[in-house]
Amino acid sequence: MIEKTLVLIKPDGVVRGLCGNIISRFENAGLKIVGMKMLWVSRDMAKEHYKEHVDKPFYVGLEKFITEGPVVGMVIEGNDAIEVVRKIVGPTEPKAAQPGTIRGDFSHISYKFADNKNIAVKNLIHASANQEDAEREISLWFAPEQIHDYENVFEKTL
């Protein structure tokens, strides 16, 4: 099933210069980038994106983290894109992520470390959890005219 999903390279990924490496992981897997932009997330946008977490104790650190630098947002499309992207990204807690995943290769922070420092877990990337989240998040971050339809090499018939 062809799906679209939202991926955000968070400020820690941007300032570490990992955007190209992260983007290539998705393209190397045959996924297609159909929308991309860089922006600085406002507090209002953070509240809307993370609305299910606003009343949780860790939200303040999460908002501070997502608004402290630019973010690269992408709409990625492909066969079972939501599941495939989440496998490429790895678990939310970098310490638990396997080598070969984005978080496993480029981060190691644990929830315990972040909690002790009273900071958000710097985990490089956000990927929509499911179809419902993907639809909501894509419409929040991208206008319809910012999402493009084209055939990549995997879709073209030879």
Protein backbone atom coordinates (compact mmCIF):
# COMPACT_ATOMS: atom_id res chain seq x y z
CA MET A 1 0.00 0.00 0.00
CA ILE A 2 1.43 3.38 -1.02
CA GLU A 3 1.44 5.73 1.97
CA LYS A 4 2.74 9.15 2.90
CA THR A 5 4.36 9.92 6.24
CA LEU A 6 5.89 12.94 7.94
CA VAL A 7 9.56 12.97 8.92
CA LEU A 8 11.20 15.83 10.79
CA ILE A 9 14.95 16.13 11.20
CA LYS A 10 15.03 17.83 14.58
CA PRO A 11 17.40 20.66 15.54
CA ASP A 12 20.07 18.28 16.87
CA GLY A 13 20.23 16.51 13.50
CA VAL A 14 20.37 19.79 11.60
CA VAL A 15 23.10 21.41 13.70
CA ARG A 16 25.18 18.23 13.60
CA GLY A 17 25.10 18.33 9.80
CA LEU A 18 23.33 14.97 9.47
CA CYS A 19 20.56 16.02 7.06
CA GLY A 20 22.18 14.60 3.93
CA ASN A 21 23.04 11.34 5.62
CA ILE A 22 19.53 10.99 7.06
CA ILE A 23 17.81 11.85 3.78
CA SER A 24 19.97 9.33 1.90
CA ARG A 25 18.79 6.54 4.22
CA PHE A 26 15.23 7.00 2.98
CA GLU A 27 16.20 7.44 -0.66
CA ASN A 28 18.51 4.42 -0.55
CA ALA A 29 15.54 2.34 0.65
CA GLY A 30 13.58 3.41 -2.46
CA LEU A 31 11.29 5.82 -0.63
CA LYS A 32 10.33 9.03 -2.39
CA ILE A 33 10.53 12.54 -0.94
CA VAL A 34 7.41 14.34 -2.17
CA GLY A 35 7.74 17.42 0.06
CA MET A 36 10.63 19.08 1.87
CA LYS A 37 11.33 22.36 3.63
CA MET A 38 13.38 23.89 6.42
CA LEU A 39 11.73 26.00 9.07
CA TRP A 40 12.12 27.28 12.59
CA VAL A 41 9.30 25.83 14.71
CA SER A 42 7.22 28.32 16.70
CA ARG A 43 5.93 27.56 20.18
CA ASP A 44 2.38 27.46 18.76
CA MET A 45 3.42 24.96 16.08
CA ALA A 46 5.16 22.82 18.72
CA LYS A 47 2.01 22.81 20.85
CA GLU A 48 -0.09 21.74 17.87
CA HIS A 49 2.34 19.06 16.71
CA TYR A 50 2.80 17.60 20.21
CA LYS A 51 -0.75 18.31 21.42
CA GLU A 52 -1.09 14.88 23.08
CA HIS A 53 1.92 15.72 25.28
CA VAL A 54 1.22 19.36 26.25
CA ASP A 55 -0.03 18.47 29.75
CA LYS A 56 2.76 15.98 30.48
CA PRO A 57 5.70 16.90 32.71
CA PHE A 58 8.28 16.48 29.92
CA TYR A 59 6.50 18.81 27.48
CA VAL A 60 8.37 21.98 28.50
CA GLY A 61 11.71 20.39 27.58
CA LEU A 62 10.26 18.96 24.38
CA GLU A 63 9.00 22.37 23.27
CA LYS A 64 12.31 24.01 24.15
CA PHE A 65 14.17 21.36 22.13
CA ILE A 66 12.03 21.48 18.96
CA THR A 67 12.10 25.30 18.88
CA GLU A 68 15.84 25.80 19.58
CA GLY A 69 16.97 25.48 15.98
CA PRO A 70 15.79 24.83 12.44
CA VAL A 71 13.97 21.64 11.49
CA VAL A 72 13.89 19.92 8.10
CA GLY A 73 10.40 18.60 7.37
CA MET A 74 9.72 15.97 4.73
CA VAL A 75 6.77 14.09 3.35
CA ILE A 76 7.98 10.66 2.36
CA GLU A 77 6.00 8.33 0.15
CA GLY A 78 6.31 4.66 -0.61
CA ASN A 79 5.02 1.16 -0.14
CA ASP A 80 4.13 0.83 3.58
CA ALA A 81 6.09 4.05 4.12
CA ILE A 82 5.01 4.57 7.73
CA GLU A 83 6.30 1.18 8.90
CA VAL A 84 9.41 1.26 6.71
CA VAL A 85 10.39 4.77 7.84
CA ARG A 86 9.96 3.84 11.50
CA LYS A 87 12.21 0.80 11.02
CA ILE A 88 14.87 2.99 9.39
CA VAL A 89 14.59 5.57 12.19
CA GLY A 90 14.69 3.12 15.13
CA PRO A 91 13.03 3.32 18.57
CA THR A 92 12.32 6.71 20.17
CA GLU A 93 14.95 6.14 22.87
CA PRO A 94 18.29 6.23 21.03
CA LYS A 95 19.97 3.97 23.61
CA ALA A 96 17.56 1.18 22.60
CA ALA A 97 18.05 1.67 18.85
CA GLN A 98 19.92 -1.00 16.92
CA PRO A 99 23.02 -0.19 14.86
CA GLY A 100 21.96 0.40 11.27
CA THR A 101 19.04 2.63 12.27
CA ILE A 102 19.37 6.42 12.20
CA ARG A 103 19.10 6.72 15.96
CA GLY A 104 21.30 3.67 16.55
CA ASP A 105 24.06 5.03 14.34
CA PHE A 106 24.02 8.69 15.36
CA SER A 107 22.76 8.92 18.94
CA HIS A 108 22.89 7.05 22.25
CA ILE A 109 20.99 9.21 24.77
CA SER A 110 18.69 7.43 27.24
CA TYR A 111 15.46 8.57 28.87
CA LYS A 112 17.22 8.37 32.24
CA PHE A 113 20.06 10.66 31.11
CA ALA A 114 17.60 13.20 29.67
CA ASP A 115 15.43 13.09 32.80
CA ASN A 116 18.46 13.61 35.06
CA LYS A 117 19.51 16.62 32.97
CA ASN A 118 15.88 17.83 32.75
CA ILE A 119 16.12 18.00 28.96
CA ALA A 120 14.30 16.40 26.05
CA VAL A 121 15.76 13.23 24.55
CA LYS A 122 17.86 14.40 21.64
CA ASN A 123 16.84 11.67 19.19
CA LEU A 124 17.47 13.42 15.85
CA ILE A 125 14.22 12.70 14.08
CA HIS A 126 10.45 12.43 14.25
CA ALA A 127 8.45 9.95 12.17
CA SER A 128 4.67 9.61 12.20
CA ALA A 129 3.54 6.67 14.32
CA ASN A 130 0.55 5.54 12.25
CA GLN A 131 -1.77 6.49 9.37
CA GLU A 132 -3.94 8.79 11.49
CA ASP A 133 -0.92 10.68 12.85
CA ALA A 134 0.66 10.88 9.39
CA GLU A 135 -2.44 12.48 7.87
CA ARG A 136 -2.80 14.98 10.73
CA GLU A 137 0.91 15.85 10.82
CA ILE A 138 1.32 16.21 7.06
CA SER A 139 -1.63 18.61 6.91
CA LEU A 140 -0.15 20.60 9.81
CA TRP A 141 3.32 20.95 8.30
CA PHE A 142 2.60 21.06 4.54
CA ALA A 143 0.04 22.80 2.35
CA PRO A 144 -1.31 20.58 -0.45
CA GLU A 145 0.61 22.55 -3.10
CA GLN A 146 3.88 21.77 -1.25
CA ILE A 147 3.46 18.04 -1.87
CA HIS A 148 4.53 16.87 -5.31
CA ASP A 149 3.55 13.90 -7.44
CA TYR A 150 6.17 12.35 -9.69
CA GLU A 151 7.48 8.92 -10.61
CA ASN A 152 10.82 7.81 -9.23
CA VAL A 153 12.98 5.18 -10.89
CA PHE A 154 11.32 2.36 -8.94
CA GLU A 155 7.89 3.32 -10.27
CA LYS A 156 8.83 3.69 -13.93
CA THR A 157 8.36 0.70 -16.16
CA LEU A 158 11.42 -0.42 -18.06
